[in-house]
All heavy atoms as atom14 arrays in JSON, in Angstrom:
{
  "sequence": "YGSLVKGQTYDAAEFLEAESYENVQRWADDVMSRPAYVRGRMVNRA",
  "atom14_mask": [
    [1, 1, 1, 1, 1, 1, 1, 1, 1, 1, 1, 1, 0, 0],
    [1, 1, 1, 1, 0, 0, 0, 0, 0, 0, 0, 0, 0, 0],
    [1, 1, 1, 1, 1, 1, 0, 0, 0, 0, 0, 0, 0, 0],
    [1, 1, 1, 1, 1, 1, 1, 1, 0, 0, 0, 0, 0, 0],
    [1, 1, 1, 1, 1, 1, 1, 0, 0, 0, 0, 0, 0, 0],
    [1, 1, 1, 1, 1, 1, 1, 1, 1, 0, 0, 0, 0, 0],
    [1, 1, 1, 1, 0, 0, 0, 0, 0, 0, 0, 0, 0, 0],
    [1, 1, 1, 1, 1, 1, 1, 1, 1, 0, 0, 0, 0, 0],
    [1, 1, 1, 1, 1, 1, 1, 0, 0, 0, 0, 0, 0, 0],
    [1, 1, 1, 1, 1, 1, 1, 1, 1, 1, 1, 1, 0, 0],
    [1, 1, 1, 1, 1, 1, 1, 1, 0, 0, 0, 0, 0, 0],
    [1, 1, 1, 1, 1, 0, 0, 0, 0, 0, 0, 0, 0, 0],
    [1, 1, 1, 1, 1, 0, 0, 0, 0, 0, 0, 0, 0, 0],
    [1, 1, 1, 1, 1, 1, 1, 1, 1, 0, 0, 0, 0, 0],
    [1, 1, 1, 1, 1, 1, 1, 1, 1, 1, 1, 0, 0, 0],
    [1, 1, 1, 1, 1, 1, 1, 1, 0, 0, 0, 0, 0, 0],
    [1, 1, 1, 1, 1, 1, 1, 1, 1, 0, 0, 0, 0, 0],
    [1, 1, 1, 1, 1, 0, 0, 0, 0, 0, 0, 0, 0, 0],
    [1, 1, 1, 1, 1, 1, 1, 1, 1, 0, 0, 0, 0, 0],
    [1, 1, 1, 1, 1, 1, 0, 0, 0, 0, 0, 0, 0, 0],
    [1, 1, 1, 1, 1, 1, 1, 1, 1, 1, 1, 1, 0, 0],
    [1, 1, 1, 1, 1, 1, 1, 1, 1, 0, 0, 0, 0, 0],
    [1, 1, 1, 1, 1, 1, 1, 1, 0, 0, 0, 0, 0, 0],
    [1, 1, 1, 1, 1, 1, 1, 0, 0, 0, 0, 0, 0, 0],
    [1, 1, 1, 1, 1, 1, 1, 1, 1, 0, 0, 0, 0, 0],
    [1, 1, 1, 1, 1, 1, 1, 1, 1, 1, 1, 0, 0, 0],
    [1, 1, 1, 1, 1, 1, 1, 1, 1, 1, 1, 1, 1, 1],
    [1, 1, 1, 1, 1, 0, 0, 0, 0, 0, 0, 0, 0, 0],
    [1, 1, 1, 1, 1, 1, 1, 1, 0, 0, 0, 0, 0, 0],
    [1, 1, 1, 1, 1, 1, 1, 1, 0, 0, 0, 0, 0, 0],
    [1, 1, 1, 1, 1, 1, 1, 0, 0, 0, 0, 0, 0, 0],
    [1, 1, 1, 1, 1, 1, 1, 1, 0, 0, 0, 0, 0, 0],
    [1, 1, 1, 1, 1, 1, 0, 0, 0, 0, 0, 0, 0, 0],
    [1, 1, 1, 1, 1, 1, 1, 1, 1, 1, 1, 0, 0, 0],
    [1, 1, 1, 1, 1, 1, 1, 0, 0, 0, 0, 0, 0, 0],
    [1, 1, 1, 1, 1, 0, 0, 0, 0, 0, 0, 0, 0, 0],
    [1, 1, 1, 1, 1, 1, 1, 1, 1, 1, 1, 1, 0, 0],
    [1, 1, 1, 1, 1, 1, 1, 0, 0, 0, 0, 0, 0, 0],
    [1, 1, 1, 1, 1, 1, 1, 1, 1, 1, 1, 0, 0, 0],
    [1, 1, 1, 1, 0, 0, 0, 0, 0, 0, 0, 0, 0, 0],
    [1, 1, 1, 1, 1, 1, 1, 1, 1, 1, 1, 0, 0, 0],
    [1, 1, 1, 1, 1, 1, 1, 1, 0, 0, 0, 0, 0, 0],
    [1, 1, 1, 1, 1, 1, 1, 0, 0, 0, 0, 0, 0, 0],
    [1, 1, 1, 1, 1, 1, 1, 1, 0, 0, 0, 0, 0, 0],
    [1, 1, 1, 1, 1, 1, 1, 1, 1, 1, 1, 0, 0, 0],
    [1, 1, 1, 1, 1, 0, 0, 0, 0, 0, 0, 0, 0, 0]
  ],
  "atom14_positions": [
    [[14.57, -16.49, 218.61], [14.52, -17.14, 219.93], [14.8, -16.17, 221.07], [14.25, -16.34, 222.16], [15.47, -18.35, 219.95], [14.99, -19.42, 219.0], [15.38, -19.41, 217.66], [14.1, -20.4, 219.42], [14.9, -20.37, 216.78], [13.62, -21.36, 218.54], [14.02, -21.33, 217.22], [13.54, -22.27, 216.33], [0.0, 0.0, 0.0], [0.0, 0.0, 0.0]],
    [[15.62, -15.15, 220.83], [15.8, -14.11, 221.84], [14.49, -13.37, 222.07], [14.07, -13.17, 223.22], [0.0, 0.0, 0.0], [0.0, 0.0, 0.0], [0.0, 0.0, 0.0], [0.0, 0.0, 0.0], [0.0, 0.0, 0.0], [0.0, 0.0, 0.0], [0.0, 0.0, 0.0], [0.0, 0.0, 0.0], [0.0, 0.0, 0.0], [0.0, 0.0, 0.0]],
    [[13.85, -12.95, 220.98], [12.58, -12.25, 221.12], [11.52, -13.14, 221.77], [10.68, -12.66, 222.53], [12.09, -11.79, 219.74], [12.94, -10.8, 219.2], [0.0, 0.0, 0.0], [0.0, 0.0, 0.0], [0.0, 0.0, 0.0], [0.0, 0.0, 0.0], [0.0, 0.0, 0.0], [0.0, 0.0, 0.0], [0.0, 0.0, 0.0], [0.0, 0.0, 0.0]],
    [[11.57, -14.43, 221.48], [10.6, -15.34, 222.06], [10.72, -15.4, 223.57], [9.73, -15.25, 224.3], [10.79, -16.74, 221.46], [9.81, -17.8, 221.93], [8.41, -17.53, 221.38], [10.29, -19.2, 221.5], [0.0, 0.0, 0.0], [0.0, 0.0, 0.0], [0.0, 0.0, 0.0], [0.0, 0.0, 0.0], [0.0, 0.0, 0.0], [0.0, 0.0, 0.0]],
    [[11.93, -15.6, 224.08], [12.09, -15.74, 225.53], [11.9, -14.42, 226.26], [11.61, -14.4, 227.46], [13.45, -16.38, 225.91], [13.59, -17.76, 225.29], [14.62, -15.47, 225.54], [0.0, 0.0, 0.0], [0.0, 0.0, 0.0], [0.0, 0.0, 0.0], [0.0, 0.0, 0.0], [0.0, 0.0, 0.0], [0.0, 0.0, 0.0], [0.0, 0.0, 0.0]],
    [[12.03, -13.3, 225.53], [11.82, -12.0, 226.14], [10.37, -11.51, 226.01], [10.06, -10.37, 226.36], [12.78, -10.97, 225.51], [14.22, -11.2, 225.92], [14.36, -11.14, 227.43], [15.7, -11.55, 227.93], [15.75, -11.63, 229.41], [0.0, 0.0, 0.0], [0.0, 0.0, 0.0], [0.0, 0.0, 0.0], [0.0, 0.0, 0.0], [0.0, 0.0, 0.0]],
    [[9.5, -12.37, 225.51], [8.09, -12.04, 225.44], [7.73, -11.06, 224.34], [6.63, -10.47, 224.37], [0.0, 0.0, 0.0], [0.0, 0.0, 0.0], [0.0, 0.0, 0.0], [0.0, 0.0, 0.0], [0.0, 0.0, 0.0], [0.0, 0.0, 0.0], [0.0, 0.0, 0.0], [0.0, 0.0, 0.0], [0.0, 0.0, 0.0], [0.0, 0.0, 0.0]],
    [[8.6, -10.89, 223.36], [8.33, -9.95, 222.27], [7.66, -10.62, 221.08], [7.24, -9.95, 220.14], [9.65, -9.29, 221.82], [10.34, -8.48, 222.88], [11.69, -7.95, 222.43], [12.14, -8.21, 221.32], [12.34, -7.19, 223.29], [0.0, 0.0, 0.0], [0.0, 0.0, 0.0], [0.0, 0.0, 0.0], [0.0, 0.0, 0.0], [0.0, 0.0, 0.0]],
    [[7.59, -11.94, 221.09], [7.05, -12.69, 219.96], [5.95, -13.63, 220.43], [6.17, -14.44, 221.34], [8.17, -13.51, 219.27], [9.23, -12.63, 218.88], [7.64, -14.23, 218.04], [0.0, 0.0, 0.0], [0.0, 0.0, 0.0], [0.0, 0.0, 0.0], [0.0, 0.0, 0.0], [0.0, 0.0, 0.0], [0.0, 0.0, 0.0], [0.0, 0.0, 0.0]],
    [[4.78, -13.5, 219.87], [3.63, -14.39, 220.09], [3.07, -14.32, 221.51], [2.15, -15.08, 221.83], [3.98, -15.84, 219.76], [4.59, -16.02, 218.4], [5.79, -16.72, 218.23], [3.98, -15.48, 217.27], [6.36, -16.87, 216.98], [4.56, -15.62, 216.01], [5.74, -16.32, 215.87], [6.32, -16.47, 214.64], [0.0, 0.0, 0.0], [0.0, 0.0, 0.0]],
    [[3.63, -13.46, 222.38], [3.15, -13.36, 223.76], [3.09, -14.74, 224.41], [2.1, -15.11, 225.06], [1.78, -12.68, 223.81], [1.37, -12.26, 225.2], [2.27, -12.05, 226.05], [0.17, -12.14, 225.47], [0.0, 0.0, 0.0], [0.0, 0.0, 0.0], [0.0, 0.0, 0.0], [0.0, 0.0, 0.0], [0.0, 0.0, 0.0], [0.0, 0.0, 0.0]],
    [[4.17, -15.5, 224.22], [4.15, -16.9, 224.62], [5.21, -17.27, 225.65], [5.42, -18.45, 225.92], [4.33, -17.78, 223.38], [0.0, 0.0, 0.0], [0.0, 0.0, 0.0], [0.0, 0.0, 0.0], [0.0, 0.0, 0.0], [0.0, 0.0, 0.0], [0.0, 0.0, 0.0], [0.0, 0.0, 0.0], [0.0, 0.0, 0.0], [0.0, 0.0, 0.0]],
    [[5.88, -16.29, 226.23], [6.98, -16.59, 227.15], [6.51, -17.39, 228.36], [7.15, -18.36, 228.77], [7.66, -15.3, 227.6], [0.0, 0.0, 0.0], [0.0, 0.0, 0.0], [0.0, 0.0, 0.0], [0.0, 0.0, 0.0], [0.0, 0.0, 0.0], [0.0, 0.0, 0.0], [0.0, 0.0, 0.0], [0.0, 0.0, 0.0], [0.0, 0.0, 0.0]],
    [[5.39, -17.01, 228.92], [4.88, -17.74, 230.09], [4.45, -19.15, 229.69], [4.76, -20.13, 230.39], [3.7, -16.99, 230.71], [3.14, -17.69, 231.95], [1.98, -16.94, 232.58], [1.55, -15.92, 232.01], [1.49, -17.39, 233.64], [0.0, 0.0, 0.0], [0.0, 0.0, 0.0], [0.0, 0.0, 0.0], [0.0, 0.0, 0.0], [0.0, 0.0, 0.0]],
    [[3.75, -19.27, 228.58], [3.28, -20.57, 228.1], [4.45, -21.54, 227.91], [4.34, -22.73, 228.23], [2.52, -20.38, 226.78], [2.0, -21.64, 226.17], [0.9, -22.29, 226.71], [2.61, -22.17, 225.05], [0.41, -23.45, 226.13], [2.12, -23.34, 224.47], [1.02, -23.98, 225.01], [0.0, 0.0, 0.0], [0.0, 0.0, 0.0], [0.0, 0.0, 0.0]],
    [[5.57, -21.03, 227.42], [6.75, -21.87, 227.14], [7.69, -21.98, 228.33], [8.73, -22.64, 228.22], [7.51, -21.3, 225.94], [6.77, -21.33, 224.6], [7.52, -20.5, 223.57], [6.59, -22.76, 224.11], [0.0, 0.0, 0.0], [0.0, 0.0, 0.0], [0.0, 0.0, 0.0], [0.0, 0.0, 0.0], [0.0, 0.0, 0.0], [0.0, 0.0, 0.0]],
    [[7.34, -21.36, 229.46], [8.24, -21.33, 230.63], [9.63, -20.83, 230.23], [10.66, -21.42, 230.55], [8.34, -22.71, 231.28], [7.02, -23.23, 231.83], [7.17, -24.6, 232.47], [7.53, -25.56, 231.75], [6.96, -24.71, 233.69], [0.0, 0.0, 0.0], [0.0, 0.0, 0.0], [0.0, 0.0, 0.0], [0.0, 0.0, 0.0], [0.0, 0.0, 0.0]],
    [[9.63, -19.69, 229.54], [10.88, -19.16, 228.97], [11.92, -18.83, 230.03], [13.12, -18.91, 229.76], [10.57, -17.91, 228.14], [0.0, 0.0, 0.0], [0.0, 0.0, 0.0], [0.0, 0.0, 0.0], [0.0, 0.0, 0.0], [0.0, 0.0, 0.0], [0.0, 0.0, 0.0], [0.0, 0.0, 0.0], [0.0, 0.0, 0.0], [0.0, 0.0, 0.0]],
    [[11.48, -18.47, 231.22], [12.44, -18.12, 232.28], [13.31, -19.31, 232.66], [14.4, -19.14, 233.21], [11.69, -17.6, 233.51], [11.09, -16.22, 233.32], [12.15, -15.16, 233.06], [13.27, -15.28, 233.59], [11.85, -14.2, 232.32], [0.0, 0.0, 0.0], [0.0, 0.0, 0.0], [0.0, 0.0, 0.0], [0.0, 0.0, 0.0], [0.0, 0.0, 0.0]],
    [[12.86, -20.52, 232.38], [13.64, -21.7, 232.77], [14.88, -21.89, 231.89], [15.79, -22.62, 232.28], [12.76, -22.96, 232.71], [12.38, -23.25, 231.36], [0.0, 0.0, 0.0], [0.0, 0.0, 0.0], [0.0, 0.0, 0.0], [0.0, 0.0, 0.0], [0.0, 0.0, 0.0], [0.0, 0.0, 0.0], [0.0, 0.0, 0.0], [0.0, 0.0, 0.0]],
    [[14.92, -21.22, 230.74], [16.09, -21.34, 229.85], [17.06, -20.21, 230.2], [17.18, -19.21, 229.49], [15.63, -21.29, 228.39], [14.63, -22.36, 228.06], [13.26, -22.08, 228.0], [15.03, -23.68, 227.83], [12.33, -23.07, 227.72], [14.11, -24.67, 227.55], [12.76, -24.36, 227.5], [11.85, -25.36, 227.22], [0.0, 0.0, 0.0], [0.0, 0.0, 0.0]],
    [[17.75, -20.39, 231.3], [18.53, -19.31, 231.89], [19.69, -18.86, 231.0], [20.02, -17.67, 230.94], [19.06, -19.73, 233.26], [17.95, -19.98, 234.28], [18.49, -20.41, 235.63], [19.73, -20.52, 235.77], [17.67, -20.65, 236.54], [0.0, 0.0, 0.0], [0.0, 0.0, 0.0], [0.0, 0.0, 0.0], [0.0, 0.0, 0.0], [0.0, 0.0, 0.0]],
    [[20.31, -19.79, 230.31], [21.44, -19.42, 229.45], [20.97, -18.65, 228.22], [21.63, -17.72, 227.76], [22.22, -20.66, 229.04], [22.79, -21.39, 230.22], [23.44, -20.81, 231.09], [22.54, -22.69, 230.3], [0.0, 0.0, 0.0], [0.0, 0.0, 0.0], [0.0, 0.0, 0.0], [0.0, 0.0, 0.0], [0.0, 0.0, 0.0], [0.0, 0.0, 0.0]],
    [[19.81, -19.05, 227.69], [19.24, -18.31, 226.56], [18.84, -16.91, 227.01], [19.05, -15.93, 226.28], [18.04, -19.06, 225.97], [17.45, -18.28, 224.8], [18.44, -20.46, 225.51], [0.0, 0.0, 0.0], [0.0, 0.0, 0.0], [0.0, 0.0, 0.0], [0.0, 0.0, 0.0], [0.0, 0.0, 0.0], [0.0, 0.0, 0.0], [0.0, 0.0, 0.0]],
    [[18.3, -16.79, 228.21], [17.93, -15.48, 228.74], [19.16, -14.58, 228.87], [19.13, -13.41, 228.48], [17.25, -15.64, 230.1], [15.88, -16.26, 230.08], [14.8, -15.28, 229.64], [15.02, -14.08, 229.55], [13.6, -15.79, 229.37], [0.0, 0.0, 0.0], [0.0, 0.0, 0.0], [0.0, 0.0, 0.0], [0.0, 0.0, 0.0], [0.0, 0.0, 0.0]],
    [[20.22, -15.12, 229.43], [21.45, -14.33, 229.59], [21.99, -13.87, 228.26], [22.36, -12.7, 228.07], [22.49, -15.18, 230.34], [23.81, -14.49, 230.64], [24.86, -14.72, 229.57], [25.03, -16.14, 229.27], [25.55, -16.58, 228.13], [25.93, -15.72, 227.18], [25.68, -17.88, 227.89], [0.0, 0.0, 0.0], [0.0, 0.0, 0.0], [0.0, 0.0, 0.0]],
    [[22.04, -14.79, 227.29], [22.53, -14.46, 225.95], [21.63, -13.42, 225.27], [22.13, -12.47, 224.65], [22.59, -15.75, 225.13], [22.69, -15.56, 223.66], [23.8, -15.3, 222.93], [21.59, -15.62, 222.72], [23.49, -15.2, 221.59], [22.14, -15.39, 221.44], [20.22, -15.86, 222.85], [21.34, -15.39, 220.3], [19.44, -15.84, 221.72], [19.99, -15.61, 220.46]],
    [[20.33, -13.58, 225.39], [19.4, -12.63, 224.77], [19.6, -11.23, 225.34], [19.6, -10.24, 224.6], [17.96, -13.1, 224.95], [0.0, 0.0, 0.0], [0.0, 0.0, 0.0], [0.0, 0.0, 0.0], [0.0, 0.0, 0.0], [0.0, 0.0, 0.0], [0.0, 0.0, 0.0], [0.0, 0.0, 0.0], [0.0, 0.0, 0.0], [0.0, 0.0, 0.0]],
    [[19.76, -11.13, 226.65], [20.01, -9.82, 227.27], [21.28, -9.2, 226.71], [21.33, -7.99, 226.43], [20.14, -9.96, 228.79], [18.81, -10.22, 229.47], [17.76, -9.86, 228.9], [18.81, -10.79, 230.58], [0.0, 0.0, 0.0], [0.0, 0.0, 0.0], [0.0, 0.0, 0.0], [0.0, 0.0, 0.0], [0.0, 0.0, 0.0], [0.0, 0.0, 0.0]],
    [[22.3, -10.0, 226.54], [23.59, -9.53, 226.05], [23.48, -9.03, 224.61], [23.83, -7.9, 224.28], [24.61, -10.68, 226.15], [26.04, -10.25, 225.84], [26.27, -9.07, 225.52], [26.93, -11.12, 225.92], [0.0, 0.0, 0.0], [0.0, 0.0, 0.0], [0.0, 0.0, 0.0], [0.0, 0.0, 0.0], [0.0, 0.0, 0.0], [0.0, 0.0, 0.0]],
    [[22.95, -9.87, 223.74], [22.9, -9.55, 222.31], [21.9, -8.44, 222.02], [22.2, -7.49, 221.28], [22.56, -10.81, 221.49], [22.25, -10.45, 220.04], [23.7, -11.81, 221.57], [0.0, 0.0, 0.0], [0.0, 0.0, 0.0], [0.0, 0.0, 0.0], [0.0, 0.0, 0.0], [0.0, 0.0, 0.0], [0.0, 0.0, 0.0], [0.0, 0.0, 0.0]],
    [[20.73, -8.51, 222.59], [19.65, -7.6, 222.23], [19.81, -6.21, 222.84], [19.08, -5.29, 222.47], [18.31, -8.22, 222.6], [18.03, -9.5, 221.82], [16.56, -10.41, 222.37], [15.26, -9.29, 221.87], [0.0, 0.0, 0.0], [0.0, 0.0, 0.0], [0.0, 0.0, 0.0], [0.0, 0.0, 0.0], [0.0, 0.0, 0.0], [0.0, 0.0, 0.0]],
    [[20.77, -6.05, 223.75], [21.06, -4.72, 224.31], [22.16, -4.0, 223.55], [22.44, -2.82, 223.84], [21.45, -4.84, 225.79], [22.68, -5.55, 225.93], [0.0, 0.0, 0.0], [0.0, 0.0, 0.0], [0.0, 0.0, 0.0], [0.0, 0.0, 0.0], [0.0, 0.0, 0.0], [0.0, 0.0, 0.0], [0.0, 0.0, 0.0], [0.0, 0.0, 0.0]],
    [[22.78, -4.64, 222.58], [23.8, -3.99, 221.77], [23.17, -2.81, 221.02], [22.09, -2.93, 220.45], [24.41, -4.97, 220.78], [25.21, -6.09, 221.43], [25.63, -7.14, 220.41], [26.56, -6.61, 219.43], [27.9, -6.66, 219.53], [28.45, -7.25, 220.58], [28.67, -6.14, 218.59], [0.0, 0.0, 0.0], [0.0, 0.0, 0.0], [0.0, 0.0, 0.0]],
    [[23.82, -1.64, 221.01], [23.22, -0.48, 220.33], [22.86, -0.75, 218.88], [21.8, -0.31, 218.41], [24.32, 0.59, 220.46], [25.05, 0.22, 221.72], [25.06, -1.28, 221.74], [0.0, 0.0, 0.0], [0.0, 0.0, 0.0], [0.0, 0.0, 0.0], [0.0, 0.0, 0.0], [0.0, 0.0, 0.0], [0.0, 0.0, 0.0], [0.0, 0.0, 0.0]],
    [[23.71, -1.48, 218.15], [23.4, -1.77, 216.75], [22.19, -2.69, 216.64], [21.41, -2.57, 215.68], [24.61, -2.4, 216.06], [0.0, 0.0, 0.0], [0.0, 0.0, 0.0], [0.0, 0.0, 0.0], [0.0, 0.0, 0.0], [0.0, 0.0, 0.0], [0.0, 0.0, 0.0], [0.0, 0.0, 0.0], [0.0, 0.0, 0.0], [0.0, 0.0, 0.0]],
    [[22.03, -3.6, 217.58], [20.84, -4.47, 217.56], [19.59, -3.63, 217.81], [18.58, -3.81, 217.12], [20.95, -5.57, 218.61], [19.86, -6.61, 218.48], [20.1, -7.81, 217.83], [18.57, -6.38, 218.97], [19.09, -8.76, 217.67], [17.56, -7.3, 218.82], [17.83, -8.5, 218.17], [16.82, -9.42, 218.0], [0.0, 0.0, 0.0], [0.0, 0.0, 0.0]],
    [[19.66, -2.74, 218.77], [18.5, -1.9, 219.08], [18.11, -1.08, 217.86], [16.92, -0.97, 217.51], [18.81, -0.98, 220.28], [17.68, 0.02, 220.51], [19.05, -1.81, 221.55], [0.0, 0.0, 0.0], [0.0, 0.0, 0.0], [0.0, 0.0, 0.0], [0.0, 0.0, 0.0], [0.0, 0.0, 0.0], [0.0, 0.0, 0.0], [0.0, 0.0, 0.0]],
    [[19.09, -0.51, 217.17], [18.78, 0.27, 215.97], [18.23, -0.64, 214.87], [17.24, -0.3, 214.2], [20.03, 1.0, 215.46], [20.49, 2.14, 216.35], [21.51, 3.0, 215.63], [22.7, 2.25, 215.24], [23.76, 2.04, 216.02], [23.77, 2.51, 217.26], [24.8, 1.36, 215.59], [0.0, 0.0, 0.0], [0.0, 0.0, 0.0], [0.0, 0.0, 0.0]],
    [[18.87, -1.77, 214.67], [18.43, -2.67, 213.6], [17.01, -3.16, 213.8], [16.26, -3.33, 212.83], [0.0, 0.0, 0.0], [0.0, 0.0, 0.0], [0.0, 0.0, 0.0], [0.0, 0.0, 0.0], [0.0, 0.0, 0.0], [0.0, 0.0, 0.0], [0.0, 0.0, 0.0], [0.0, 0.0, 0.0], [0.0, 0.0, 0.0], [0.0, 0.0, 0.0]],
    [[16.63, -3.37, 215.04], [15.27, -3.84, 215.32], [14.23, -2.78, 214.99], [13.06, -3.09, 214.74], [15.16, -4.26, 216.79], [13.82, -4.88, 217.16], [13.8, -5.37, 218.59], [12.49, -5.93, 218.94], [11.48, -5.22, 219.41], [11.63, -3.92, 219.64], [10.31, -5.79, 219.68], [0.0, 0.0, 0.0], [0.0, 0.0, 0.0], [0.0, 0.0, 0.0]],
    [[14.63, -1.51, 214.98], [13.7, -0.42, 214.69], [13.4, -0.28, 213.2], [12.32, 0.17, 212.82], [14.28, 0.89, 215.2], [14.43, 0.99, 216.7], [15.47, 2.39, 217.19], [14.55, 3.76, 216.51], [0.0, 0.0, 0.0], [0.0, 0.0, 0.0], [0.0, 0.0, 0.0], [0.0, 0.0, 0.0], [0.0, 0.0, 0.0], [0.0, 0.0, 0.0]],
    [[14.35, -0.65, 212.36], [14.25, -0.35, 210.93], [13.14, -1.17, 210.27], [13.01, -2.38, 210.52], [15.6, -0.61, 210.24], [15.48, -0.36, 208.73], [16.69, 0.28, 210.84], [0.0, 0.0, 0.0], [0.0, 0.0, 0.0], [0.0, 0.0, 0.0], [0.0, 0.0, 0.0], [0.0, 0.0, 0.0], [0.0, 0.0, 0.0], [0.0, 0.0, 0.0]],
    [[12.35, -0.5, 209.44], [11.22, -1.12, 208.73], [10.13, -1.61, 209.68], [9.34, -2.48, 209.31], [11.67, -2.27, 207.82], [12.54, -1.81, 206.67], [13.46, -2.52, 206.28], [12.28, -0.64, 206.11], [0.0, 0.0, 0.0], [0.0, 0.0, 0.0], [0.0, 0.0, 0.0], [0.0, 0.0, 0.0], [0.0, 0.0, 0.0], [0.0, 0.0, 0.0]],
    [[10.09, -1.04, 210.88], [9.05, -1.41, 211.84], [7.93, -0.37, 211.8], [8.2, 0.83, 211.82], [9.63, -1.52, 213.25], [8.63, -2.01, 214.3], [9.31, -2.31, 215.64], [10.29, -3.36, 215.5], [10.03, -4.65, 215.48], [8.78, -5.07, 215.62], [11.0, -5.54, 215.34], [0.0, 0.0, 0.0], [0.0, 0.0, 0.0], [0.0, 0.0, 0.0]],
    [[6.71, -0.85, 211.74], [5.55, 0.04, 211.72], [4.52, -0.4, 212.74], [3.32, -0.19, 212.57], [4.94, 0.09, 210.33], [0.0, 0.0, 0.0], [0.0, 0.0, 0.0], [0.0, 0.0, 0.0], [0.0, 0.0, 0.0], [0.0, 0.0, 0.0], [0.0, 0.0, 0.0], [0.0, 0.0, 0.0], [0.0, 0.0, 0.0], [0.0, 0.0, 0.0]]
  ]
}
C-alpha cells in the first residue's frame, strides 16, 4: 500500500486519488525512507 500510493505499483496513484489518503502518504514517506527499507527494496530486483 505504500508503494501503491507513491505510484510505484501499477501506475495507479492518480486513478485511485492516492493523494487524498494523507495519513497513508505521511506514513509511507516515513517508512519507505528508512535506510534498511531502501536497501531491502533493492534486493532481488532486476
